Amino acid sequence: MKNLTKYFLASIFSFSLIVFTQFALAQDPNCEITKVNGGGFTTTIQSVVNNCDGTYTFVLRVDHDGCSGPSCKELSHYSVEAIPGTYSNVSVQVLSGGMTYTNIDLGPNLGSDPFQGFKVDGTDGIGGGQAGSFTITYTMTSIQNQRASAKAGTDPQMVTFNSELDFTYVMNCNNTNCGVDPDTDNDGCYDIDDMFPTDPARCYEIAGNWGTLAYEDLWPSKGDYDFNDLVCIYKYTSVYNAENQVVDLKAKYYITAVGASFNNGFGVQFDNLLPSQIASVTGNILDKGYVTTNANGTEAGQAKAVVIMFDNTESILNRAGGSFFNTLENGFVGTSDTVNVTITFANPISAASLGSIPFNPFLIKNGNRDFEIHLPDKLPTSLADPANFGTFEDDTRPGDGKYYMSDNNLPWGLHVPVVLDHMIEKIEINQGYLKFGNWAQTRGANNPDWYLNEPGYRDASKIWEP
């Protein structure tokens, strides 16, 4: 992309058509991007080559530094995320050490891995005190976001590479792209890579993965602790300009469970932003009358930027029957409308200043604007009533930076970066997710992957199935 070449490399292509082949230029190690998987493993984008025929050749290098001990286990398999039907010609080359493997599994389904793609299976002789290095070479029909997992023991040890900021950067840095393309809107972003070729304010967008937010709505009381009073899956897509700044933020929310009699609302506070930094909010669903908005669509009376995504679950549910929504095994399976909210910023901002997904989401309890339920240690908004802190089972202590947790660190809101299988009604979450209690009581230090479907991690009979 022209913008990446200009702003990351401080140079531009000449305007004559230059065609590069896979073998034309040596790879520059200064153009590599390395990310840390953990457990002594790193993954490096060694090269990306545009084959100028609608395909790209990728080379990933996997290294292990030889560390040993409980946190440095032996590699069992190495997986790469890829959209089915877009990849081929996968090969492995051992560069150093004594690594072996049984086969290359072309997927696309990869068992316990939380994505589709391919993997090097049955690995041996690398990790767990055994240093080594190998490369994975593969062909793809597009440059796309990809995760890579160096699975060792129960730890997925995952890194994420971005299509534009990582793969395309390496390709352009090495001059292994095909050459110069037109730029219709003259925004510094070539048409071949410009997802908005006639919009000079926008160049490309990056979609995140689906995650889950789940809440207990009886805070500050403990409630039945099944964490299905409101369960939302979500996905954020960021729209960037040619300078790699965020122009729009697009949010999708879909309700998978409501095991509650309350009609709850849901909002997000952007802790790093002022209301004036947002130009407009569209797509949110507000029909109960208790939310007041500014002219730009943010909630009024807030010191920080707050967007209420919906103010009443019943406005977006399509119930199939029964008083609960997808929490009883009664044969009824309801659906939800998808809430699509677009936030446009007054001026483009950096992704770092925007903050980390899922930002600061919260439940509004039964339409009572005083009662907000946030994720653990997340700050309330200006409209939350602090008189509720420290009552019943809540042990919020603002002076200590502790919010929305009990005295033994149990939360009322949960976030996981995957689609969560929620609990059956009235069954505490630790009965279905057997590692949850240890994770919560250690404030996330132990069992951070408690939500995965690993051996010994869950009792499936306690978890709702459609």
Protein backbone atom coordinates (compact mmCIF):
# COMPACT_ATOMS: atom_id res chain seq x y z
CA MET A 1 0.00 0.00 0.00
CA LYS A 2 1.23 3.47 -0.88
CA ASN A 3 0.56 4.84 2.57
CA LEU A 4 2.50 2.10 4.29
CA THR A 5 5.47 2.61 1.98
CA LYS A 6 5.36 6.36 2.50
CA TYR A 7 4.89 6.48 6.22
CA PHE A 8 6.77 3.42 7.37
CA LEU A 9 9.64 3.37 4.87
CA ALA A 10 9.92 7.07 3.95
CA SER A 11 10.22 6.19 0.25
CA ILE A 12 7.90 5.65 -2.73
CA PHE A 13 7.82 3.35 -5.71
CA SER A 14 8.80 4.85 -9.06
CA PHE A 15 5.88 5.39 -11.40
CA SER A 16 7.12 2.90 -13.99
CA LEU A 17 5.60 -0.55 -13.79
CA ILE A 18 8.01 -2.81 -11.94
CA VAL A 19 7.19 -6.48 -11.63
CA PHE A 20 8.85 -8.52 -8.94
CA THR A 21 8.93 -12.31 -8.80
CA GLN A 22 9.32 -14.52 -5.78
CA PHE A 23 13.03 -14.96 -6.38
CA ALA A 24 13.98 -11.51 -7.69
CA LEU A 25 15.15 -9.85 -4.47
CA ALA A 26 16.79 -11.07 -1.30
CA GLN A 27 14.76 -10.59 1.88
CA ASP A 28 15.89 -7.82 4.23
CA PRO A 29 15.93 -8.99 7.88
CA ASN A 30 15.13 -5.41 8.90
CA CYS A 31 11.75 -5.88 7.21
CA GLU A 32 10.78 -8.86 9.38
CA ILE A 33 8.09 -8.61 12.06
CA THR A 34 8.45 -10.83 15.13
CA LYS A 35 5.82 -11.46 17.80
CA VAL A 36 6.12 -13.45 21.03
CA ASN A 37 3.90 -16.51 21.40
CA GLY A 38 5.17 -17.32 24.87
CA GLY A 39 6.86 -20.33 26.42
CA GLY A 40 10.08 -19.46 24.58
CA PHE A 41 8.41 -19.42 21.15
CA THR A 42 8.34 -16.51 18.71
CA THR A 43 6.82 -16.24 15.23
CA THR A 44 8.38 -14.04 12.56
CA ILE A 45 6.95 -12.92 9.22
CA GLN A 46 10.08 -13.61 7.20
CA SER A 47 8.68 -12.71 3.79
CA VAL A 48 5.51 -11.99 1.83
CA VAL A 49 5.76 -12.09 -1.99
CA ASN A 50 3.10 -10.93 -4.44
CA ASN A 51 3.34 -13.53 -7.21
CA CYS A 52 1.57 -11.11 -9.58
CA ASP A 53 -0.94 -13.81 -10.56
CA GLY A 54 -3.54 -13.25 -7.83
CA THR A 55 -1.60 -15.25 -5.23
CA TYR A 56 0.89 -14.47 -2.47
CA THR A 57 3.63 -16.61 -0.94
CA PHE A 58 4.17 -16.32 2.83
CA VAL A 59 7.09 -17.56 4.92
CA LEU A 60 6.71 -17.69 8.72
CA ARG A 61 9.70 -18.61 10.88
CA VAL A 62 9.11 -20.21 14.28
CA ASP A 63 11.95 -20.07 16.84
CA HIS A 64 12.38 -21.49 20.33
CA ASP A 65 15.07 -20.13 22.64
CA GLY A 66 15.67 -23.40 24.53
CA CYS A 67 14.05 -22.41 27.81
CA SER A 68 12.76 -25.18 30.08
CA GLY A 69 10.54 -25.52 33.10
CA PRO A 70 6.76 -25.40 33.69
CA SER A 71 6.27 -22.32 31.50
CA CYS A 72 8.35 -23.64 28.57
CA LYS A 73 6.72 -26.84 27.40
CA GLU A 74 7.38 -28.92 24.30
CA LEU A 75 5.47 -27.98 21.15
CA SER A 76 2.62 -30.37 20.31
CA HIS A 77 1.46 -28.64 17.12
CA TYR A 78 1.68 -25.32 15.33
CA SER A 79 -1.45 -23.84 13.73
CA VAL A 80 -2.02 -20.98 11.28
CA GLU A 81 -5.40 -19.32 10.78
CA ALA A 82 -6.59 -19.04 7.18
CA ILE A 83 -9.95 -18.70 5.45
CA PRO A 84 -10.91 -22.09 3.95
CA GLY A 85 -10.30 -22.29 0.22
CA THR A 86 -7.70 -19.49 0.16
CA TYR A 87 -4.51 -21.45 1.00
CA SER A 88 -2.39 -24.16 -0.62
CA ASN A 89 1.17 -25.43 -1.07
CA VAL A 90 1.96 -25.67 2.64
CA SER A 91 5.47 -26.90 3.40
CA VAL A 92 7.83 -27.04 6.40
CA GLN A 93 11.61 -26.71 6.56
CA VAL A 94 13.62 -27.35 9.74
CA LEU A 95 16.38 -24.74 10.03
CA SER A 96 18.04 -25.77 13.32
CA GLY A 97 17.54 -28.21 16.17
CA GLY A 98 15.97 -31.64 16.02
CA MET A 99 12.30 -30.89 15.44
CA THR A 100 10.21 -33.57 13.73
CA TYR A 101 6.52 -33.68 12.84
CA THR A 102 4.08 -36.37 11.75
CA ASN A 103 2.03 -34.52 9.11
CA ILE A 104 0.65 -31.24 7.79
CA ASP A 105 -3.09 -31.09 8.54
CA LEU A 106 -4.78 -28.91 5.92
CA GLY A 107 -7.95 -28.55 8.01
CA PRO A 108 -9.87 -26.39 7.72
CA ASN A 109 -11.21 -27.56 11.11
CA LEU A 110 -8.37 -27.96 13.60
CA GLY A 111 -9.91 -29.60 16.64
CA SER A 112 -9.25 -27.57 19.79
CA ASP A 113 -7.84 -24.56 17.95
CA PRO A 114 -10.27 -21.59 18.05
CA PHE A 115 -9.95 -20.90 14.31
CA GLN A 116 -9.87 -22.62 10.92
CA GLY A 117 -6.78 -23.10 8.80
CA PHE A 118 -3.89 -25.57 8.74
CA LYS A 119 -1.37 -26.94 11.21
CA VAL A 120 1.93 -28.78 11.54
CA ASP A 121 0.87 -31.72 13.68
CA GLY A 122 2.61 -34.21 15.93
CA THR A 123 5.66 -32.05 16.52
CA ASP A 124 8.53 -33.30 18.67
CA GLY A 125 11.99 -32.11 19.61
CA ILE A 126 11.35 -28.37 20.00
CA GLY A 127 10.40 -26.53 23.19
CA GLY A 128 10.72 -27.85 26.71
CA GLY A 129 14.46 -27.13 26.84
CA GLN A 130 15.09 -27.94 23.17
CA ALA A 131 16.02 -24.93 21.04
CA GLY A 132 15.19 -24.95 17.37
CA SER A 133 13.83 -23.12 14.36
CA PHE A 134 11.67 -23.99 11.37
CA THR A 135 9.78 -22.22 8.59
CA ILE A 136 6.28 -22.68 7.23
CA THR A 137 5.80 -21.64 3.59
CA TYR A 138 2.33 -21.38 2.07
CA THR A 139 0.42 -19.75 -0.78
CA MET A 140 -2.75 -17.66 -0.36
CA THR A 141 -5.16 -15.94 -2.70
CA SER A 142 -5.41 -12.88 -0.44
CA ILE A 143 -3.60 -11.10 2.38
CA GLN A 144 -5.73 -11.49 5.49
CA ASN A 145 -5.56 -11.24 9.28
CA GLN A 146 -4.08 -14.43 10.67
CA ARG A 147 -3.51 -15.90 14.11
CA ALA A 148 -0.72 -18.39 14.76
CA SER A 149 -0.70 -20.76 17.72
CA ALA A 150 2.36 -22.55 19.13
CA LYS A 151 0.36 -25.08 21.17
CA ALA A 152 2.33 -26.46 24.12
CA GLY A 153 0.48 -28.29 26.88
CA THR A 154 -2.87 -26.54 27.39
CA ASP A 155 -1.52 -23.12 26.43
CA PRO A 156 -2.42 -21.97 22.89
CA GLN A 157 0.42 -19.37 22.94
CA MET A 158 -1.18 -17.29 20.20
CA VAL A 159 -0.09 -14.23 18.24
CA THR A 160 -2.11 -12.15 15.78
CA PHE A 161 -0.80 -10.67 12.53
CA ASN A 162 -2.68 -7.88 10.78
CA SER A 163 -3.16 -7.96 7.02
CA GLU A 164 -2.18 -4.33 6.46
CA LEU A 165 0.16 -3.37 9.29
CA ASP A 166 2.13 -6.64 9.37
CA PHE A 167 1.91 -8.73 6.18
CA THR A 168 1.59 -5.85 3.70
CA TYR A 169 4.30 -3.92 5.53
CA VAL A 170 6.78 -6.81 5.15
CA MET A 171 5.87 -7.20 1.47
CA ASN A 172 6.34 -3.51 0.70
CA CYS A 173 9.45 -3.23 2.87
CA ASN A 174 11.10 -6.00 0.85
CA ASN A 175 9.87 -4.55 -2.46
CA THR A 176 8.14 -7.84 -3.25
CA ASN A 177 4.90 -6.26 -4.39
CA CYS A 178 4.00 -6.04 -8.08
CA GLY A 179 4.45 -2.30 -8.48
CA VAL A 180 2.53 0.95 -8.61
CA ASP A 181 -1.25 1.09 -8.90
CA PRO A 182 -3.69 3.96 -9.45
CA ASP A 183 -4.96 6.06 -6.54
CA THR A 184 -8.35 7.37 -7.68
CA ASP A 185 -9.15 9.46 -4.61
CA ASN A 186 -5.52 10.63 -4.19
CA ASP A 187 -5.47 9.75 -0.49
CA GLY A 188 -2.09 7.99 -0.53
CA CYS A 189 -3.70 4.54 -0.63
CA TYR A 190 -3.48 2.55 -3.88
CA ASP A 191 -6.77 1.44 -5.41
CA ILE A 192 -5.69 -2.20 -5.31
CA ASP A 193 -5.59 -1.99 -1.50
CA ASP A 194 -8.13 0.81 -0.98
CA MET A 195 -11.42 -0.58 0.31
CA PHE A 196 -12.91 2.91 -0.21
CA PRO A 197 -11.31 3.94 -3.54
CA THR A 198 -13.52 7.02 -4.02
CA ASP A 199 -13.45 8.21 -0.38
CA PRO A 200 -10.28 10.18 0.46
CA ALA A 201 -11.02 9.98 4.19
CA ARG A 202 -10.93 6.16 4.30
CA CYS A 203 -8.48 3.53 3.08
CA TYR A 204 -9.11 0.15 4.72
CA GLU A 205 -10.89 -1.55 7.57
CA ILE A 206 -9.87 -4.27 9.99
CA ALA A 207 -12.48 -6.55 11.55
CA GLY A 208 -11.83 -8.11 14.92
CA ASN A 209 -12.94 -11.51 16.09
CA TRP A 210 -16.18 -12.33 17.89
CA GLY A 211 -16.02 -12.07 21.67
CA THR A 212 -18.55 -12.44 24.48
CA LEU A 213 -19.78 -10.25 27.34
CA ALA A 214 -21.84 -11.87 30.11
CA TYR A 215 -23.44 -10.30 33.18
CA GLU A 216 -25.13 -11.04 36.51
CA ASP A 217 -27.77 -8.33 36.85
CA LEU A 218 -28.56 -8.48 40.60
CA TRP A 219 -25.44 -6.49 41.56
CA PRO A 220 -24.63 -5.49 44.26
CA SER A 221 -26.20 -8.77 45.42
CA LYS A 222 -24.57 -11.97 44.20
CA GLY A 223 -27.65 -13.39 42.47
CA ASP A 224 -27.72 -16.95 41.15
CA TYR A 225 -24.29 -16.46 39.56
CA ASP A 226 -25.09 -18.26 36.32
CA PHE A 227 -23.88 -15.29 34.21
CA ASN A 228 -26.69 -15.61 31.70
CA ASP A 229 -28.82 -12.60 32.69
CA LEU A 230 -27.41 -10.88 29.61
CA VAL A 231 -25.02 -12.60 27.20
CA CYS A 232 -23.93 -10.62 24.13
CA ILE A 233 -21.51 -11.60 21.44
CA TYR A 234 -19.79 -8.68 19.75
CA LYS A 235 -17.38 -7.73 16.97
CA TYR A 236 -15.65 -4.41 16.30
CA THR A 237 -14.39 -3.20 12.92
CA SER A 238 -12.03 -0.22 12.71
CA VAL A 239 -11.94 1.94 9.58
CA TYR A 240 -8.56 3.58 8.89
CA ASN A 241 -7.37 6.40 6.68
CA ALA A 242 -4.16 6.38 4.65
CA GLU A 243 -2.19 7.57 7.70
CA ASN A 244 -3.33 4.47 9.66
CA GLN A 245 -5.55 6.50 11.96
CA VAL A 246 -9.04 5.37 12.97
CA VAL A 247 -11.87 7.26 11.25
CA ASP A 248 -14.86 5.08 12.21
CA LEU A 249 -15.53 2.34 14.71
CA LYS A 250 -18.27 -0.12 13.75
CA ALA A 251 -19.75 -2.35 16.45
CA LYS A 252 -21.97 -5.42 16.09
CA TYR A 253 -23.87 -6.81 19.09
CA TYR A 254 -26.04 -9.93 19.13
CA ILE A 255 -27.80 -11.27 22.25
CA THR A 256 -27.45 -15.02 22.79
CA ALA A 257 -29.13 -15.31 26.21
CA VAL A 258 -31.35 -13.39 28.64
CA GLY A 259 -31.96 -15.41 31.79
CA ALA A 260 -33.57 -12.53 33.66
CA SER A 261 -36.87 -10.83 34.33
CA PHE A 262 -35.27 -7.38 34.06
CA ASN A 263 -35.30 -5.35 30.85
CA ASN A 264 -31.66 -4.30 30.87
CA GLY A 265 -29.81 -1.78 28.78
CA PHE A 266 -26.23 -1.89 27.55
CA GLY A 267 -23.60 0.77 26.88
CA VAL A 268 -19.88 1.33 26.36
CA GLN A 269 -17.66 3.98 27.92
CA PHE A 270 -14.52 4.99 26.00
CA ASP A 271 -12.26 5.79 28.91
CA ASN A 272 -9.67 7.66 26.79
CA LEU A 273 -12.10 9.85 24.83
CA LEU A 274 -14.10 13.01 25.48
CA PRO A 275 -17.66 13.29 24.11
CA SER A 276 -16.47 16.08 21.78
CA GLN A 277 -14.06 13.67 20.04
CA ILE A 278 -17.03 11.86 18.48
CA ALA A 279 -18.78 13.42 15.48
CA SER A 280 -21.75 11.05 15.26
CA VAL A 281 -23.30 7.83 16.53
CA THR A 282 -25.77 5.92 14.36
CA GLY A 283 -27.56 2.59 14.62
CA ASN A 284 -28.09 2.35 18.38
CA ILE A 285 -31.57 1.43 19.61
CA LEU A 286 -33.06 3.72 22.26
CA ASP A 287 -36.81 3.54 22.81
CA LYS A 288 -37.42 3.56 26.60
CA GLY A 289 -36.87 7.28 27.17
CA TYR A 290 -34.45 7.14 30.11
CA VAL A 291 -31.30 7.85 28.02
CA THR A 292 -30.59 11.45 27.04
CA THR A 293 -28.15 12.04 24.20
CA ASN A 294 -26.04 14.93 22.97
CA ALA A 295 -26.37 16.16 19.38
CA ASN A 296 -23.57 13.80 18.32
CA GLY A 297 -25.35 10.73 19.75
CA THR A 298 -23.21 10.27 22.86
CA GLU A 299 -24.93 10.12 26.24
CA ALA A 300 -25.47 13.50 27.87
CA GLY A 301 -24.02 14.37 31.27
CA GLN A 302 -20.90 12.25 30.84
CA ALA A 303 -17.31 13.37 31.44
CA LYS A 304 -16.08 10.68 29.05
CA ALA A 305 -17.52 9.48 25.76
CA VAL A 306 -20.36 7.03 26.44
CA VAL A 307 -22.48 5.32 23.79
CA ILE A 308 -25.63 3.44 24.81
CA MET A 309 -25.96 0.61 22.29
CA PHE A 310 -29.50 -0.37 23.35
CA ASP A 311 -31.65 0.57 26.33
CA ASN A 312 -33.97 -2.46 26.45
CA THR A 313 -33.22 -6.08 25.60
CA GLU A 314 -36.85 -6.72 24.65
CA SER A 315 -36.54 -4.28 21.75
CA ILE A 316 -34.18 -6.62 19.90
CA LEU A 317 -35.18 -10.12 21.03
CA ASN A 318 -37.25 -12.49 18.91
CA ARG A 319 -38.55 -14.90 21.52
CA ALA A 320 -39.54 -18.44 20.57
CA GLY A 321 -41.50 -19.09 23.75
CA GLY A 322 -41.09 -19.29 27.51
CA SER A 323 -40.21 -16.62 30.05
CA PHE A 324 -36.45 -17.03 29.61
CA PHE A 325 -34.45 -16.55 26.44
CA ASN A 326 -32.11 -19.44 25.56
CA THR A 327 -31.29 -20.48 29.13
CA LEU A 328 -33.74 -23.37 29.67
CA GLU A 329 -33.55 -26.69 27.87
CA ASN A 330 -37.19 -26.48 26.87
CA GLY A 331 -36.88 -26.82 23.10
CA PHE A 332 -37.32 -23.10 22.48
CA VAL A 333 -34.48 -21.27 20.72
CA GLY A 334 -34.89 -17.54 20.21
CA THR A 335 -32.96 -15.18 17.97
CA SER A 336 -31.82 -11.58 18.30
CA ASP A 337 -31.67 -8.66 15.95
CA THR A 338 -28.09 -7.54 15.33
CA VAL A 339 -27.39 -4.07 16.67
CA ASN A 340 -25.06 -2.30 14.21
CA VAL A 341 -23.62 0.91 15.62
CA THR A 342 -21.21 3.19 13.73
CA ILE A 343 -19.16 5.75 15.66
CA THR A 344 -17.47 8.40 13.51
CA PHE A 345 -14.74 10.49 15.13
CA ALA A 346 -14.54 14.25 14.86
CA ASN A 347 -10.87 13.89 13.91
CA PRO A 348 -9.02 10.66 13.06
CA ILE A 349 -7.33 9.16 16.11
CA SER A 350 -4.65 6.56 16.68
CA ALA A 351 -5.68 3.03 17.58
CA ALA A 352 -3.60 3.31 20.76
CA SER A 353 -5.49 6.38 21.96
CA LEU A 354 -8.82 4.69 21.26
CA GLY A 355 -8.04 1.95 23.78
CA SER A 356 -8.39 -1.81 23.84
CA ILE A 357 -11.43 -3.79 22.72
CA PRO A 358 -13.98 -4.31 24.27
CA PHE A 359 -13.31 -0.90 25.89
CA ASN A 360 -15.48 -0.41 29.01
CA PRO A 361 -18.86 -2.11 28.40
CA PHE A 362 -21.56 -2.10 31.06
CA LEU A 363 -25.10 -3.26 31.78
CA ILE A 364 -27.81 -0.81 32.88
CA LYS A 365 -29.95 -2.62 35.42
CA ASN A 366 -33.66 -2.74 34.53
CA GLY A 367 -33.74 0.77 33.08
CA ASN A 368 -32.47 2.34 36.31
CA ARG A 369 -29.70 4.67 35.15
CA ASP A 370 -28.14 4.76 38.64
CA PHE A 371 -27.25 1.07 38.46
CA GLU A 372 -24.34 0.17 36.18
CA ILE A 373 -22.59 -3.21 36.16
CA HIS A 374 -19.09 -3.13 34.67
CA LEU A 375 -16.34 -5.65 34.12
CA PRO A 376 -14.02 -6.07 37.14
CA ASP A 377 -11.84 -3.04 37.90
CA LYS A 378 -13.48 -0.94 35.17
CA LEU A 379 -14.52 2.59 36.11
CA PRO A 380 -18.20 3.58 36.34
CA THR A 381 -19.54 6.42 34.20
CA SER A 382 -20.47 9.83 35.57
CA LEU A 383 -24.13 8.76 35.87
CA ALA A 384 -23.57 5.73 38.11
CA ASP A 385 -24.60 6.23 41.74
CA PRO A 386 -21.55 5.56 43.97
CA ALA A 387 -23.87 5.00 46.94
CA ASN A 388 -24.36 1.45 45.64
CA PHE A 389 -20.68 0.60 46.08
CA GLY A 390 -19.79 -1.50 49.09
CA THR A 391 -23.36 -2.67 49.69
CA PHE A 392 -24.54 -6.29 49.91
CA GLU A 393 -21.81 -8.51 48.38
CA ASP A 394 -20.03 -5.74 46.47
CA ASP A 395 -16.54 -4.88 47.71
CA THR A 396 -15.80 -1.92 45.42
CA ARG A 397 -13.06 0.25 46.97
CA PRO A 398 -12.26 3.20 44.66
CA GLY A 399 -9.28 4.24 46.78
CA ASP A 400 -7.67 0.86 46.06
CA GLY A 401 -8.67 0.81 42.41
CA LYS A 402 -11.03 -2.10 42.98
CA TYR A 403 -14.42 -2.00 41.23
CA TYR A 404 -17.30 -4.41 40.73
CA MET A 405 -15.88 -7.39 42.63
CA SER A 406 -16.81 -9.22 45.81
CA ASP A 407 -14.48 -9.54 48.79
CA ASN A 408 -13.04 -12.74 47.25
CA ASN A 409 -12.69 -11.08 43.83
CA LEU A 410 -15.74 -12.60 42.14
CA PRO A 411 -17.01 -10.34 39.31
CA TRP A 412 -20.49 -9.48 38.03
CA GLY A 413 -19.35 -8.99 34.43
CA LEU A 414 -17.25 -11.25 32.22
CA HIS A 415 -15.40 -10.82 28.94
CA VAL A 416 -13.85 -13.61 26.86
CA PRO A 417 -12.32 -13.23 23.37
CA VAL A 418 -14.37 -16.08 21.88
CA VAL A 419 -18.05 -17.01 21.57
CA LEU A 420 -18.92 -18.36 25.03
CA ASP A 421 -21.27 -21.29 25.61
CA HIS A 422 -23.42 -19.94 28.43
CA MET A 423 -24.86 -21.66 31.49
CA ILE A 424 -28.22 -23.34 31.98
CA GLU A 425 -30.55 -21.29 34.16
CA LYS A 426 -29.83 -21.25 37.94
CA ILE A 427 -26.57 -23.23 37.69
CA GLU A 428 -23.54 -21.32 38.97
CA ILE A 429 -20.89 -20.77 36.34
CA ASN A 430 -18.16 -22.56 38.30
CA GLN A 431 -20.20 -25.79 38.04
CA GLY A 432 -20.02 -25.68 34.26
CA TYR A 433 -16.60 -24.03 33.91
CA LEU A 434 -14.47 -25.87 36.41
CA LYS A 435 -11.48 -23.52 36.31
CA PHE A 436 -13.54 -20.34 36.68
CA GLY A 437 -13.32 -20.09 40.47
CA ASN A 438 -9.53 -20.28 40.53
CA TRP A 439 -9.32 -17.69 37.75
CA ALA A 440 -11.67 -15.27 39.50
CA GLN A 441 -10.24 -15.57 42.99
CA THR A 442 -6.69 -14.97 41.74
CA ARG A 443 -7.89 -11.91 39.74
CA GLY A 444 -6.94 -13.62 36.50
CA ALA A 445 -3.46 -14.81 37.50
CA ASN A 446 -4.39 -18.50 37.23
CA ASN A 447 -6.31 -20.30 34.47
CA PRO A 448 -6.76 -17.30 32.12
CA ASP A 449 -8.08 -19.79 29.54
CA TRP A 450 -10.84 -21.09 31.84
CA TYR A 451 -13.47 -20.71 29.10
CA LEU A 452 -11.82 -23.07 26.59
CA ASN A 453 -13.13 -26.55 25.85
CA GLU A 454 -10.05 -28.37 27.10
CA PRO A 455 -10.01 -31.73 28.96
CA GLY A 456 -11.08 -31.19 32.56
CA TYR A 457 -12.18 -27.60 31.96
CA ARG A 458 -15.95 -27.94 31.80
CA ASP A 459 -19.00 -30.02 32.68
CA ALA A 460 -20.98 -29.92 29.45
CA SER A 461 -24.17 -31.14 31.17
CA LYS A 462 -24.42 -27.76 32.94
CA ILE A 463 -23.99 -25.65 29.80
CA TRP A 464 -26.95 -24.69 27.57
CA GLU A 465 -27.19 -26.20 24.10
CA PRO A 466 -29.70 -25.14 21.42
